[in-house]
Structure formats: structure tokens, C-alpha cells
Amino acid sequence: MLLSVRNLEKHFDQSKGAFSGPASPIRAVDGVSFDIPRATTLGLVGESGSGKTTTGRLITRLLDPTSGSIVFDGDEITSLSRGELRSFRRRMQIVFQDPFASLDPRMRIRQIVEEPLRYSTNLKSNERRERVMETLDVVGLNPDHAERYPHEFSGGQRQRIGIARALIVRPELLVLDEPVSALDVSIQAQIVNLLEDLQQEFGLSYLLIAHDLSVVRQICDQVAVMYLGKIVELGARDEVYEGPSHPYTRALLSAVPISNPRLRGTRERIVLKGDIPSPANKPSGCDFHTRCYMAGDICRTDSPALEDSGKEGHFVSCHFAEGRREHIK
């Protein structure tokens, strides 16, 4: 197993008002657990505010976890020192969501892509330059692009530059934080195809954070559905898409557009009530019961654990999921 995450939590303290008592901490990530085997992709999906990006930043140690365990290739990384993190980050990199904001506008592309090598390797200048050119070619950019600035490129090209920067140190795991959400649909397909090609060529593992469930279905082996800092459903891609057990997963899948016009109108659309609650003031019992169309009395008092749904490797956190306590009202 390349990555094992257990009971990961991240709480953010809120500032206290001048005339109020202590504020409740924001529980952005609240007991998340999952595994990513080598050369596979786990898709982490959910609404904005569910804690997906925070989870990705915890795994790459851009944020320090409040508690929990992150084991990468057999080594616990939550307690690594700053110096130890520098060498570790060669093995795990992140591609950010915004291809416009994630690149320094004052640096040339060669400098942006080369920078990780300067701080994490002992390669000489000519060796670094050679690897930069090789990596630009791998992601579909020309060597002539190396001396240009970010503003001279389109959104898709900038995202290729971000991927090149992450790939330059030969990592084993990439955290992809909404890598195509800011791009046009036609460009999204190109970037998704590039990511698939890179995984096959280099044996990479991915944690793909995404809103677009069609993208997740195309490239992921496993899917984890996240709501208000917790994973509510986890399983193999086909199991989750063909037989979703959690009502939140069903609602998300019902919103995916159907490309075949003959099939439109054949699927029930599930519209959730209200907005996702604040992670600083979570509901009692099940976090989802305030918006759930299946909620019973037990949902308002007891928080369901993430348990086996009865299908191999398929876990769900719901009192009324198939194979669990359906008789409870």
C-alpha cells in the first residue's frame, strides 16, 4: 500500500469576539480514513466546503493535521521535521486547481518547472535544464515555451506547466486538486487524457479531488464521497456509480448530465434541501440528516459509522443503507 490515512482530523480555531465566549473550532476534516494502492487513482468528491482540498493539503503536509495518521510507503509522515519533509516531498507532489494563480507571473516557465529540482536535488545546472526540457515534452509543451512567461499561455497550457512542475522530481503520488475545473470542456478532456497517459507511463498514483463526477468515473479506480469533513461512502468506482448506498451519493449522481438525449428524463433527479451546514456548528446525530430525504428519528440523535455495506470493499455511513438497519424509523 502506497498511502494509508487513518482517522485524519484538522480543526481550525476561530477568532473570539470581544463580547463573546470561546468560539467552536471549525472541524474541516473529521476522522477521514482511506488507502491508495500503487498505480491507482482515488477520487475524492463532494460539494464545496466538504473538506476535500483540506484533506489533500494535509496529505502533502502543506497543513499540519490536528490528529490522525498518514503512512506513506510504510513511513508515518505526520511527525516529520522540516528537513525530513523536504526530501519526502520529492515523492509526493500537488497540482493546484487554478492554473492562473499557481504560477509566478514574474518567472519564466523554465524557472518555474526547474525550481523543485534546485531545492530537492543535487543536480547540476545543465542536468536540471535537460530534465526540464524532457518534462515539458512529456506534458505536451515545446522546448521553445521554456523562456516564455505564464501570461503568454492558455489555461490548458498553464495546467500542463503545473503538472510538469509536479512531475519534474519523479514523484510516486500526485494530489490533483480540481485539476480541470477551471478549464473549458474541450481542454478538460485533453488534460484528463494526459493524466491517464502519465499514470501508465510512470506508474503514478493519484488522489483526484473533483466536483465533476464524469471525470472521476473516467479515471478513478475507487471513489470516496465526502460530506462535512467525513467520508460517507467509499468503494470501487463501478460499485459506487452503479449501486450508490448513501442518499448524498445518490443525489450527487442524479445531477450528472446525461449525454444521450434519448435517455434524458429517465432518471429521477434528487434535489437536496438547503446548504451544507457550517463545520463549526455541525448538526447532532448524522451530519446529513438536515438535508436527507430518508432521515428518521435515529438520524437526529446517532451518528452512523462508516461500515461495510455488505458488498466487498464498499463502505457507507448511513443508518438506512442497504444491508443495514432498514427497519429503524
C-alpha atoms as a PDB file:
ATOM      1  CA  MET A   1       0.000   0.000   0.000  1.00  0.00           C
ATOM      2  CA  LEU A   2       1.454   3.353  -1.023  1.00  0.00           C
ATOM      3  CA  LEU A   3      -0.705   5.638   1.163  1.00  0.00           C
ATOM      4  CA  SER A   4      -2.792   4.804   4.239  1.00  0.00           C
ATOM      5  CA  VAL A   5      -4.762   7.528   6.017  1.00  0.00           C
ATOM      6  CA  ARG A   6      -6.433   6.782   9.347  1.00  0.00           C
ATOM      7  CA  ASN A   7      -8.720   8.996  11.453  1.00  0.00           C
ATOM      8  CA  LEU A   8      -7.300  12.184   9.964  1.00  0.00           C
ATOM      9  CA  GLU A   9      -8.593  15.395  11.539  1.00  0.00           C
ATOM     10  CA  LYS A  10      -7.985  19.096  11.044  1.00  0.00           C
ATOM     11  CA  HIS A  11      -9.557  21.724  13.288  1.00  0.00           C
ATOM     12  CA  PHE A  12      -9.159  25.458  12.753  1.00  0.00           C
ATOM     13  CA  ASP A  13      -9.553  27.778  15.733  1.00  0.00           C
ATOM     14  CA  GLN A  14     -11.846  30.750  15.207  1.00  0.00           C
ATOM     15  CA  SER A  15     -11.057  34.200  16.490  1.00  0.00           C
ATOM     16  CA  LYS A  16     -13.042  35.160  19.584  1.00  0.00           C
ATOM     17  CA  GLY A  17     -15.308  38.183  19.586  1.00  0.00           C
ATOM     18  CA  ALA A  18     -14.741  40.979  22.077  1.00  0.00           C
ATOM     19  CA  PHE A  19     -18.029  40.251  23.884  1.00  0.00           C
ATOM     20  CA  SER A  20     -18.473  36.568  23.218  1.00  0.00           C
ATOM     21  CA  GLY A  21     -17.145  33.376  24.710  1.00  0.00           C
ATOM     22  CA  PRO A  22     -14.765  30.894  23.081  1.00  0.00           C
ATOM     23  CA  ALA A  23     -15.737  30.098  19.501  1.00  0.00           C
ATOM     24  CA  SER A  24     -16.205  26.487  18.412  1.00  0.00           C
ATOM     25  CA  PRO A  25     -13.359  25.180  16.237  1.00  0.00           C
ATOM     26  CA  ILE A  26     -14.020  24.593  12.561  1.00  0.00           C
ATOM     27  CA  ARG A  27     -13.769  20.818  12.059  1.00  0.00           C
ATOM     28  CA  ALA A  28     -12.777  20.891   8.403  1.00  0.00           C
ATOM     29  CA  VAL A  29     -11.646  17.251   8.310  1.00  0.00           C
ATOM     30  CA  ASP A  30     -13.264  14.982  10.862  1.00  0.00           C
ATOM     31  CA  GLY A  31     -11.947  11.410  11.028  1.00  0.00           C
ATOM     32  CA  VAL A  32     -11.113  10.562   7.412  1.00  0.00           C
ATOM     33  CA  SER A  33      -9.653   7.130   6.533  1.00  0.00           C
ATOM     34  CA  PHE A  34      -8.746   5.594   3.160  1.00  0.00           C
ATOM     35  CA  ASP A  35      -5.994   3.757   1.263  1.00  0.00           C
ATOM     36  CA  ILE A  36      -4.384   4.340  -2.138  1.00  0.00           C
ATOM     37  CA  PRO A  37      -2.526   1.338  -3.627  1.00  0.00           C
ATOM     38  CA  ARG A  38       0.322   1.896  -6.072  1.00  0.00           C
ATOM     39  CA  ALA A  39      -0.539   2.965  -9.636  1.00  0.00           C
ATOM     40  CA  THR A  40      -4.202   3.551  -8.800  1.00  0.00           C
ATOM     41  CA  THR A  41      -6.467   6.589  -8.500  1.00  0.00           C
ATOM     42  CA  LEU A  42      -8.807   7.501  -5.666  1.00  0.00           C
ATOM     43  CA  GLY A  43     -11.434  10.121  -6.457  1.00  0.00           C
ATOM     44  CA  LEU A  44     -12.485  12.384  -3.567  1.00  0.00           C
ATOM     45  CA  VAL A  45     -15.801  14.054  -4.379  1.00  0.00           C
ATOM     46  CA  GLY A  46     -18.316  16.277  -2.624  1.00  0.00           C
ATOM     47  CA  GLU A  47     -19.711  19.795  -2.510  1.00  0.00           C
ATOM     48  CA  SER A  48     -17.643  22.896  -1.832  1.00  0.00           C
ATOM     49  CA  GLY A  49     -16.971  23.092   1.892  1.00  0.00           C
ATOM     50  CA  SER A  50     -16.890  19.330   2.415  1.00  0.00           C
ATOM     51  CA  GLY A  51     -13.155  19.310   3.270  1.00  0.00           C
ATOM     52  CA  LYS A  52     -11.698  17.769   0.107  1.00  0.00           C
ATOM     53  CA  THR A  53      -8.981  20.367  -0.543  1.00  0.00           C
ATOM     54  CA  THR A  54      -8.015  20.481   3.143  1.00  0.00           C
ATOM     55  CA  THR A  55      -7.587  16.693   3.071  1.00  0.00           C
ATOM     56  CA  GLY A  56      -5.270  16.980   0.058  1.00  0.00           C
ATOM     57  CA  ARG A  57      -3.177  19.651   1.755  1.00  0.00           C
ATOM     58  CA  LEU A  58      -2.901  17.555   4.912  1.00  0.00           C
ATOM     59  CA  ILE A  59      -1.649  14.561   2.968  1.00  0.00           C
ATOM     60  CA  THR A  60       1.049  16.638   1.269  1.00  0.00           C
ATOM     61  CA  ARG A  61       1.837  18.245   4.647  1.00  0.00           C
ATOM     62  CA  LEU A  62       1.090  21.751   3.429  1.00  0.00           C
ATOM     63  CA  LEU A  63      -1.093  21.786   6.554  1.00  0.00           C
ATOM     64  CA  ASP A  64      -0.355  20.094   9.873  1.00  0.00           C
ATOM     65  CA  PRO A  65      -3.073  17.655  10.995  1.00  0.00           C
ATOM     66  CA  THR A  66      -4.746  18.053  14.367  1.00  0.00           C
ATOM     67  CA  SER A  67      -4.686  14.281  14.828  1.00  0.00           C
ATOM     68  CA  GLY A  68      -4.619  11.056  12.877  1.00  0.00           C
ATOM     69  CA  SER A  69      -2.116   9.026  10.908  1.00  0.00           C
ATOM     70  CA  ILE A  70      -0.692   9.379   7.380  1.00  0.00           C
ATOM     71  CA  VAL A  71       1.517   6.449   6.371  1.00  0.00           C
ATOM     72  CA  PHE A  72       3.350   6.787   3.059  1.00  0.00           C
ATOM     73  CA  ASP A  73       5.111   3.661   1.812  1.00  0.00           C
ATOM     74  CA  GLY A  74       5.340   2.326   5.364  1.00  0.00           C
ATOM     75  CA  ASP A  75       6.572   5.559   6.980  1.00  0.00           C
ATOM     76  CA  GLU A  76       4.500   7.763   9.277  1.00  0.00           C
ATOM     77  CA  ILE A  77       4.818  11.305   7.918  1.00  0.00           C
ATOM     78  CA  THR A  78       2.750  13.368  10.361  1.00  0.00           C
ATOM     79  CA  SER A  79       5.742  13.775  12.685  1.00  0.00           C
ATOM     80  CA  LEU A  80       8.418  14.564  10.091  1.00  0.00           C
ATOM     81  CA  SER A  81      10.657  17.564  10.756  1.00  0.00           C
ATOM     82  CA  ARG A  82      11.037  20.405   8.270  1.00  0.00           C
ATOM     83  CA  GLY A  83      14.254  18.936   6.917  1.00  0.00           C
ATOM     84  CA  GLU A  84      12.754  15.473   6.585  1.00  0.00           C
ATOM     85  CA  LEU A  85       9.740  16.925   4.772  1.00  0.00           C
ATOM     86  CA  ARG A  86      11.988  18.419   2.113  1.00  0.00           C
ATOM     87  CA  SER A  87      13.239  15.020   0.996  1.00  0.00           C
ATOM     88  CA  PHE A  88       9.810  13.439   1.428  1.00  0.00           C
ATOM     89  CA  ARG A  89       8.130  15.928  -0.905  1.00  0.00           C
ATOM     90  CA  ARG A  90      10.141  14.589  -3.806  1.00  0.00           C
ATOM     91  CA  ARG A  91       7.899  11.525  -3.575  1.00  0.00           C
ATOM     92  CA  MET A  92       4.559  13.339  -3.304  1.00  0.00           C
ATOM     93  CA  GLN A  93       3.528  16.476  -5.197  1.00  0.00           C
ATOM     94  CA  ILE A  94       0.369  18.537  -5.687  1.00  0.00           C
ATOM     95  CA  VAL A  95      -1.234  20.111  -8.759  1.00  0.00           C
ATOM     96  CA  PHE A  96      -3.352  23.096  -7.789  1.00  0.00           C
ATOM     97  CA  GLN A  97      -6.811  23.988  -9.037  1.00  0.00           C
ATOM     98  CA  ASP A  98      -6.182  27.424 -10.515  1.00  0.00           C
ATOM     99  CA  PRO A  99      -3.627  27.327 -13.361  1.00  0.00           C
ATOM    100  CA  PHE A 100      -3.548  31.133 -13.377  1.00  0.00           C
ATOM    101  CA  ALA A 101      -2.855  31.790  -9.684  1.00  0.00           C
ATOM    102  CA  SER A 102      -0.499  28.851  -9.086  1.00  0.00           C
ATOM    103  CA  LEU A 103       2.285  30.120 -11.385  1.00  0.00           C
ATOM    104  CA  ASP A 104       4.535  33.065 -10.514  1.00  0.00           C
ATOM    105  CA  PRO A 105       3.933  35.653 -13.277  1.00  0.00           C
ATOM    106  CA  ARG A 106       7.474  37.056 -12.857  1.00  0.00           C
ATOM    107  CA  MET A 107       9.231  33.761 -13.557  1.00  0.00           C
ATOM    108  CA  ARG A 108       9.882  32.115 -16.895  1.00  0.00           C
ATOM    109  CA  ILE A 109       8.460  28.649 -17.461  1.00  0.00           C
ATOM    110  CA  ARG A 110      11.932  27.100 -17.303  1.00  0.00           C
ATOM    111  CA  GLN A 111      12.467  28.646 -13.853  1.00  0.00           C
ATOM    112  CA  ILE A 112       9.036  27.547 -12.583  1.00  0.00           C
ATOM    113  CA  VAL A 113       9.500  23.928 -13.629  1.00  0.00           C
ATOM    114  CA  GLU A 114      13.151  23.815 -12.538  1.00  0.00           C
ATOM    115  CA  GLU A 115      12.572  25.273  -9.063  1.00  0.00           C
ATOM    116  CA  PRO A 116      11.726  21.970  -7.301  1.00  0.00           C
ATOM    117  CA  LEU A 117      14.987  20.495  -8.595  1.00  0.00           C
ATOM    118  CA  ARG A 118      17.009  23.370  -7.143  1.00  0.00           C
ATOM    119  CA  TYR A 119      15.731  22.700  -3.628  1.00  0.00           C
ATOM    120  CA  SER A 120      15.386  18.924  -3.576  1.00  0.00           C
ATOM    121  CA  THR A 121      18.246  17.547  -5.689  1.00  0.00           C
ATOM    122  CA  ASN A 122      21.975  17.991  -6.221  1.00  0.00           C
ATOM    123  CA  LEU A 123      21.727  18.088  -9.997  1.00  0.00           C
ATOM    124  CA  LYS A 124      24.000  20.484 -11.842  1.00  0.00           C
ATOM    125  CA  SER A 125      22.614  23.359 -13.884  1.00  0.00           C
ATOM    126  CA  ASN A 126      22.933  21.591 -17.245  1.00  0.00           C
ATOM    127  CA  GLU A 127      21.352  18.429 -15.817  1.00  0.00           C
ATOM    128  CA  ARG A 128      18.423  20.412 -14.426  1.00  0.00           C
ATOM    129  CA  ARG A 129      17.901  22.158 -17.745  1.00  0.00           C
ATOM    130  CA  GLU A 130      17.946  18.839 -19.600  1.00  0.00           C
ATOM    131  CA  ARG A 131      15.329  17.369 -17.274  1.00  0.00           C
ATOM    132  CA  VAL A 132      13.149  20.472 -17.646  1.00  0.00           C
ATOM    133  CA  MET A 133      13.144  20.071 -21.422  1.00  0.00           C
ATOM    134  CA  GLU A 134      12.350  16.365 -21.134  1.00  0.00           C
ATOM    135  CA  THR A 135       9.457  17.028 -18.740  1.00  0.00           C
ATOM    136  CA  LEU A 136       7.989  19.810 -20.887  1.00  0.00           C
ATOM    137  CA  ASP A 137       7.995  17.403 -23.799  1.00  0.00           C
ATOM    138  CA  VAL A 138       6.287  14.703 -21.710  1.00  0.00           C
ATOM    139  CA  VAL A 139       3.355  17.022 -20.851  1.00  0.00           C
ATOM    140  CA  GLY A 140       2.966  18.165 -24.466  1.00  0.00           C
ATOM    141  CA  LEU A 141       4.815  21.509 -24.443  1.00  0.00           C
ATOM    142  CA  ASN A 142       7.544  22.642 -26.823  1.00  0.00           C
ATOM    143  CA  PRO A 143      11.102  23.451 -25.707  1.00  0.00           C
ATOM    144  CA  ASP A 144      10.526  26.946 -27.147  1.00  0.00           C
ATOM    145  CA  HIS A 145       7.982  27.538 -24.380  1.00  0.00           C
ATOM    146  CA  ALA A 146      10.681  27.380 -21.701  1.00  0.00           C
ATOM    147  CA  GLU A 147      11.685  31.042 -21.971  1.00  0.00           C
ATOM    148  CA  ARG A 148       8.176  32.463 -22.009  1.00  0.00           C
ATOM    149  CA  TYR A 149       6.104  33.830 -19.109  1.00  0.00           C
ATOM    150  CA  PRO A 150       2.819  32.374 -17.784  1.00  0.00           C
ATOM    151  CA  HIS A 151       0.661  35.166 -19.231  1.00  0.00           C
ATOM    152  CA  GLU A 152       1.621  34.025 -22.732  1.00  0.00           C
ATOM    153  CA  PHE A 153      -0.193  30.699 -22.317  1.00  0.00           C
ATOM    154  CA  SER A 154      -3.782  29.490 -22.332  1.00  0.00           C
ATOM    155  CA  GLY A 155      -5.424  27.887 -19.286  1.00  0.00           C
ATOM    156  CA  GLY A 156      -4.822  24.368 -20.566  1.00  0.00           C
ATOM    157  CA  GLN A 157      -1.163  25.099 -21.270  1.00  0.00           C
ATOM    158  CA  ARG A 158      -0.732  26.604 -17.805  1.00  0.00           C
ATOM    159  CA  GLN A 159      -2.162  23.484 -16.235  1.00  0.00           C
ATOM    160  CA  ARG A 160       0.325  21.414 -18.255  1.00  0.00           C
ATOM    161  CA  ILE A 161       3.057  23.618 -16.778  1.00  0.00           C
ATOM    162  CA  GLY A 162       1.711  22.936 -13.280  1.00  0.00           C
ATOM    163  CA  ILE A 163       1.740  19.210 -13.992  1.00  0.00           C
ATOM    164  CA  ALA A 164       5.313  19.473 -15.319  1.00  0.00           C
ATOM    165  CA  ARG A 165       6.408  21.254 -12.149  1.00  0.00           C
ATOM    166  CA  ALA A 166       4.932  18.444 -10.030  1.00  0.00           C
ATOM    167  CA  LEU A 167       6.338  15.726 -12.284  1.00  0.00           C
ATOM    168  CA  ILE A 168       9.889  17.102 -12.501  1.00  0.00           C
ATOM    169  CA  VAL A 169      11.066  15.425  -9.254  1.00  0.00           C
ATOM    170  CA  ARG A 170       9.719  12.000 -10.314  1.00  0.00           C
ATOM    171  CA  PRO A 171       7.065  11.612  -7.572  1.00  0.00           C
ATOM    172  CA  GLU A 172       5.144   8.454  -6.762  1.00  0.00           C
ATOM    173  CA  LEU A 173       1.890  10.158  -5.766  1.00  0.00           C
ATOM    174  CA  LEU A 174       0.193  13.251  -7.187  1.00  0.00           C
ATOM    175  CA  VAL A 175      -2.581  15.075  -5.356  1.00  0.00           C
ATOM    176  CA  LEU A 176      -4.712  16.633  -8.090  1.00  0.00           C
ATOM    177  CA  ASP A 177      -6.828  19.408  -6.605  1.00  0.00           C
ATOM    178  CA  GLU A 178      -9.625  20.099  -9.111  1.00  0.00           C
ATOM    179  CA  PRO A 179      -7.105  19.988 -11.993  1.00  0.00           C
ATOM    180  CA  VAL A 180      -9.658  20.624 -14.775  1.00  0.00           C
ATOM    181  CA  SER A 181     -12.476  22.583 -13.113  1.00  0.00           C
ATOM    182  CA  ALA A 182     -11.149  25.971 -14.311  1.00  0.00           C
ATOM    183  CA  LEU A 183     -10.760  24.833 -17.935  1.00  0.00           C
ATOM    184  CA  ASP A 184     -13.017  24.698 -20.966  1.00  0.00           C
ATOM    185  CA  VAL A 185     -14.695  21.343 -21.589  1.00  0.00           C
ATOM    186  CA  SER A 186     -12.602  20.535 -24.674  1.00  0.00           C
ATOM    187  CA  ILE A 187      -9.401  21.340 -22.776  1.00  0.00           C
ATOM    188  CA  GLN A 188     -10.557  19.286 -19.788  1.00  0.00           C
ATOM    189  CA  ALA A 189     -10.588  16.174 -21.967  1.00  0.00           C
ATOM    190  CA  GLN A 190      -7.001  16.828 -23.095  1.00  0.00           C
ATOM    191  CA  ILE A 191      -5.746  17.201 -19.516  1.00  0.00           C
ATOM    192  CA  VAL A 192      -7.616  14.080 -18.360  1.00  0.00           C
ATOM    193  CA  ASN A 193      -6.107  12.085 -21.220  1.00  0.00           C
ATOM    194  CA  LEU A 194      -2.668  13.447 -20.326  1.00  0.00           C
ATOM    195  CA  LEU A 195      -3.074  12.362 -16.694  1.00  0.00           C
ATOM    196  CA  GLU A 196      -4.079   8.863 -17.800  1.00  0.00           C
ATOM    197  CA  ASP A 197      -1.066   8.627 -20.116  1.00  0.00           C
ATOM    198  CA  LEU A 198       1.311   9.811 -17.389  1.00  0.00           C
ATOM    199  CA  GLN A 199      -0.051   7.256 -14.942  1.00  0.00           C
ATOM    200  CA  GLN A 200       0.525   4.430 -17.389  1.00  0.00           C
ATOM    201  CA  GLU A 201       3.996   5.642 -18.357  1.00  0.00           C
ATOM    202  CA  PHE A 202       5.356   6.367 -14.868  1.00  0.00           C
ATOM    203  CA  GLY A 203       3.202   4.142 -12.631  1.00  0.00           C
ATOM    204  CA  LEU A 204       1.862   7.136 -10.706  1.00  0.00           C
ATOM    205  CA  SER A 205      -0.794   7.052  -8.005  1.00  0.00           C
ATOM    206  CA  TYR A 206      -3.357   9.858  -7.876  1.00  0.00           C
ATOM    207  CA  LEU A 207      -5.632  11.406  -5.297  1.00  0.00           C
ATOM    208  CA  LEU A 208      -8.088  13.226  -7.541  1.00  0.00           C
ATOM    209  CA  ILE A 209     -10.159  15.915  -5.826  1.00  0.00           C
ATOM    210  CA  ALA A 210     -13.081  16.848  -8.061  1.00  0.00           C
ATOM    211  CA  HIS A 211     -16.645  18.096  -8.411  1.00  0.00           C
ATOM    212  CA  ASP A 212     -17.159  16.628 -11.864  1.00  0.00           C
ATOM    213  CA  LEU A 213     -18.328  13.056 -11.337  1.00  0.00           C
ATOM    214  CA  SER A 214     -17.976  12.220 -15.026  1.00  0.00           C
ATOM    215  CA  VAL A 215     -14.238  12.947 -14.824  1.00  0.00           C
ATOM    216  CA  VAL A 216     -13.959  10.846 -11.675  1.00  0.00           C
ATOM    217  CA  ARG A 217     -15.703   7.939 -13.345  1.00  0.00           C
ATOM    218  CA  GLN A 218     -13.325   8.060 -16.300  1.00  0.00           C
ATOM    219  CA  ILE A 219     -10.006   7.841 -14.498  1.00  0.00           C
ATOM    220  CA  CYS A 220     -10.584   6.645 -10.909  1.00  0.00           C
ATOM    221  CA  ASP A 221     -10.374   3.114  -9.531  1.00  0.00           C
ATOM    222  CA  GLN A 222     -12.003   3.986  -6.207  1.00  0.00           C
ATOM    223  CA  VAL A 223     -14.355   6.770  -5.133  1.00  0.00           C
ATOM    224  CA  ALA A 224     -14.714   8.397  -1.707  1.00  0.00           C
ATOM    225  CA  VAL A 225     -17.710  10.679  -1.188  1.00  0.00           C
ATOM    226  CA  MET A 226     -17.097  13.383   1.402  1.00  0.00           C
ATOM    227  CA  TYR A 227     -19.634  15.454   3.320  1.00  0.00           C
ATOM    228  CA  LEU A 228     -18.907  17.986   6.061  1.00  0.00           C
ATOM    229  CA  GLY A 229     -15.416  16.659   6.769  1.00  0.00           C
ATOM    230  CA  LYS A 230     -16.302  12.955   6.761  1.00  0.00           C
ATOM    231  CA  ILE A 231     -16.313  10.178   4.170  1.00  0.00           C
ATOM    232  CA  VAL A 232     -19.897   8.923   3.864  1.00  0.00           C
ATOM    233  CA  GLU A 233     -19.328   6.341   1.120  1.00  0.00           C
ATOM    234  CA  LEU A 234     -16.217   4.587  -0.153  1.00  0.00           C
ATOM    235  CA  GLY A 235     -15.842   1.843  -2.698  1.00  0.00           C
ATOM    236  CA  ALA A 236     -14.787   0.697  -6.137  1.00  0.00           C
ATOM    237  CA  ARG A 237     -15.820   3.080  -8.900  1.00  0.00           C
ATOM    238  CA  ASP A 238     -18.366   0.803 -10.557  1.00  0.00           C
ATOM    239  CA  GLU A 239     -19.886  -0.224  -7.231  1.00  0.00           C
ATOM    240  CA  VAL A 240     -20.443   3.394  -6.194  1.00  0.00           C
ATOM    241  CA  TYR A 241     -21.739   4.572  -9.573  1.00  0.00           C
ATOM    242  CA  GLU A 242     -23.969   1.608 -10.331  1.00  0.00           C
ATOM    243  CA  GLY A 243     -25.248   0.997  -6.804  1.00  0.00           C
ATOM    244  CA  PRO A 244     -24.827   4.076  -4.577  1.00  0.00           C
ATOM    245  CA  SER A 245     -25.866   3.316  -0.986  1.00  0.00           C
ATOM    246  CA  HIS A 246     -25.785   6.747   0.675  1.00  0.00           C
ATOM    247  CA  PRO A 247     -28.578   9.241  -0.128  1.00  0.00           C
ATOM    248  CA  TYR A 248     -25.981  12.001  -0.583  1.00  0.00           C
ATOM    249  CA  THR A 249     -24.150   9.946  -3.211  1.00  0.00           C
ATOM    250  CA  ARG A 250     -27.444   9.287  -4.988  1.00  0.00           C
ATOM    251  CA  ALA A 251     -28.204  12.999  -5.053  1.00  0.00           C
ATOM    252  CA  LEU A 252     -24.781  13.843  -6.490  1.00  0.00           C
ATOM    253  CA  LEU A 253     -25.064  11.197  -9.193  1.00  0.00           C
ATOM    254  CA  SER A 254     -28.582  12.302 -10.115  1.00  0.00           C
ATOM    255  CA  ALA A 255     -27.160  15.720 -11.010  1.00  0.00           C
ATOM    256  CA  VAL A 256     -24.641  14.362 -13.550  1.00  0.00           C
ATOM    257  CA  PRO A 257     -25.734  15.380 -17.074  1.00  0.00           C
ATOM    258  CA  ILE A 258     -26.785  12.557 -19.419  1.00  0.00           C
ATOM    259  CA  SER A 259     -25.091  12.879 -22.809  1.00  0.00           C
ATOM    260  CA  ASN A 260     -27.574  10.661 -24.673  1.00  0.00           C
ATOM    261  CA  PRO A 261     -30.690  12.784 -25.365  1.00  0.00           C
ATOM    262  CA  ARG A 262     -32.873   9.667 -25.630  1.00  0.00           C
ATOM    263  CA  LEU A 263     -32.127   8.792 -22.008  1.00  0.00           C
ATOM    264  CA  ARG A 264     -32.795  12.240 -20.587  1.00  0.00           C
ATOM    265  CA  GLY A 265     -35.761  12.316 -18.277  1.00  0.00           C
ATOM    266  CA  THR A 266     -35.422   8.621 -17.427  1.00  0.00           C
ATOM    267  CA  ARG A 267     -33.500   9.216 -14.211  1.00  0.00           C
ATOM    268  CA  GLU A 268     -35.002  10.647 -11.034  1.00  0.00           C
ATOM    269  CA  ARG A 269     -33.473  13.993 -10.081  1.00  0.00           C
ATOM    270  CA  ILE A 270     -32.850  14.310  -6.340  1.00  0.00           C
ATOM    271  CA  VAL A 271     -32.735  17.929  -5.183  1.00  0.00           C
ATOM    272  CA  LEU A 272     -31.242  18.450  -1.727  1.00  0.00           C
ATOM    273  CA  LYS A 273     -32.781  20.963   0.655  1.00  0.00           C
ATOM    274  CA  GLY A 274     -30.749  23.894   1.950  1.00  0.00           C
ATOM    275  CA  ASP A 275     -26.986  24.333   2.060  1.00  0.00           C
ATOM    276  CA  ILE A 276     -24.192  22.337   3.633  1.00  0.00           C
ATOM    277  CA  PRO A 277     -24.047  23.226   7.374  1.00  0.00           C
ATOM    278  CA  SER A 278     -21.126  25.070   8.921  1.00  0.00           C
ATOM    279  CA  PRO A 279     -18.285  22.781  10.081  1.00  0.00           C
ATOM    280  CA  ALA A 280     -18.112  24.986  13.189  1.00  0.00           C
ATOM    281  CA  ASN A 281     -21.695  24.131  14.140  1.00  0.00           C
ATOM    282  CA  LYS A 282     -22.445  20.614  12.978  1.00  0.00           C
ATOM    283  CA  PRO A 283     -25.896  19.065  13.408  1.00  0.00           C
ATOM    284  CA  SER A 284     -26.465  16.458  16.091  1.00  0.00           C
ATOM    285  CA  GLY A 285     -26.539  12.833  15.008  1.00  0.00           C
ATOM    286  CA  CYS A 286     -25.890  12.258  11.310  1.00  0.00           C
ATOM    287  CA  ASP A 287     -24.326  15.314   9.683  1.00  0.00           C
ATOM    288  CA  PHE A 288     -26.519  14.852   6.604  1.00  0.00           C
ATOM    289  CA  HIS A 289     -29.923  14.463   8.291  1.00  0.00           C
ATOM    290  CA  THR A 290     -30.869  18.156   7.892  1.00  0.00           C
ATOM    291  CA  ARG A 291     -30.943  17.703   4.091  1.00  0.00           C
ATOM    292  CA  CYS A 292     -31.725  13.998   3.771  1.00  0.00           C
ATOM    293  CA  TYR A 293     -34.938  12.728   2.203  1.00  0.00           C
ATOM    294  CA  MET A 294     -34.582   9.390   4.045  1.00  0.00           C
ATOM    295  CA  ALA A 295     -33.863  10.676   7.564  1.00  0.00           C
ATOM    296  CA  GLY A 296     -35.570   9.014  10.522  1.00  0.00           C
ATOM    297  CA  ASP A 297     -35.570   9.740  14.236  1.00  0.00           C
ATOM    298  CA  ILE A 298     -32.340   7.822  14.820  1.00  0.00           C
ATOM    299  CA  CYS A 299     -30.538  10.049  12.308  1.00  0.00           C
ATOM    300  CA  ARG A 300     -31.167  13.104  14.510  1.00  0.00           C
ATOM    301  CA  THR A 301     -29.523  11.533  17.558  1.00  0.00           C
ATOM    302  CA  ASP A 302     -26.988   8.878  16.478  1.00  0.00           C
ATOM    303  CA  SER A 303     -24.080   9.436  14.101  1.00  0.00           C
ATOM    304  CA  PRO A 304     -23.632   6.372  11.838  1.00  0.00           C
ATOM    305  CA  ALA A 305     -20.171   4.836  11.493  1.00  0.00           C
ATOM    306  CA  LEU A 306     -18.557   4.092   8.146  1.00  0.00           C
ATOM    307  CA  GLU A 307     -19.226   0.345   7.884  1.00  0.00           C
ATOM    308  CA  ASP A 308     -19.213  -2.438   5.317  1.00  0.00           C
ATOM    309  CA  SER A 309     -22.382  -2.260   3.225  1.00  0.00           C
ATOM    310  CA  GLY A 310     -22.334  -5.981   2.549  1.00  0.00           C
ATOM    311  CA  LYS A 311     -20.553  -5.579  -0.785  1.00  0.00           C
ATOM    312  CA  GLU A 312     -16.847  -6.347  -0.769  1.00  0.00           C
ATOM    313  CA  GLY A 313     -14.806  -3.190  -0.193  1.00  0.00           C
ATOM    314  CA  HIS A 314     -17.873  -0.936  -0.229  1.00  0.00           C
ATOM    315  CA  PHE A 315     -18.376   1.150   2.926  1.00  0.00           C
ATOM    316  CA  VAL A 316     -21.209   3.512   3.772  1.00  0.00           C
ATOM    317  CA  SER A 317     -22.133   5.767   6.690  1.00  0.00           C
ATOM    318  CA  CYS A 318     -25.940   5.634   6.825  1.00  0.00           C
ATOM    319  CA  HIS A 319     -28.479   4.031   9.170  1.00  0.00           C
ATOM    320  CA  PHE A 320     -30.763   3.177   6.246  1.00  0.00           C
ATOM    321  CA  ALA A 321     -28.200   1.942   3.736  1.00  0.00           C
ATOM    322  CA  GLU A 322     -28.842  -1.381   2.017  1.00  0.00           C
ATOM    323  CA  GLY A 323     -27.901  -4.279   4.291  1.00  0.00           C
ATOM    324  CA  ARG A 324     -28.068  -2.221   7.484  1.00  0.00           C
ATOM    325  CA  ARG A 325     -30.847  -1.218   9.873  1.00  0.00           C
ATOM    326  CA  GLU A 326     -33.547  -0.500   7.300  1.00  0.00           C
ATOM    327  CA  HIS A 327     -36.365  -1.271   9.757  1.00  0.00           C
ATOM    328  CA  ILE A 328     -35.464   1.604  12.079  1.00  0.00           C
ATOM    329  CA  LYS A 329     -37.744   4.627  11.840  1.00  0.00           C
END
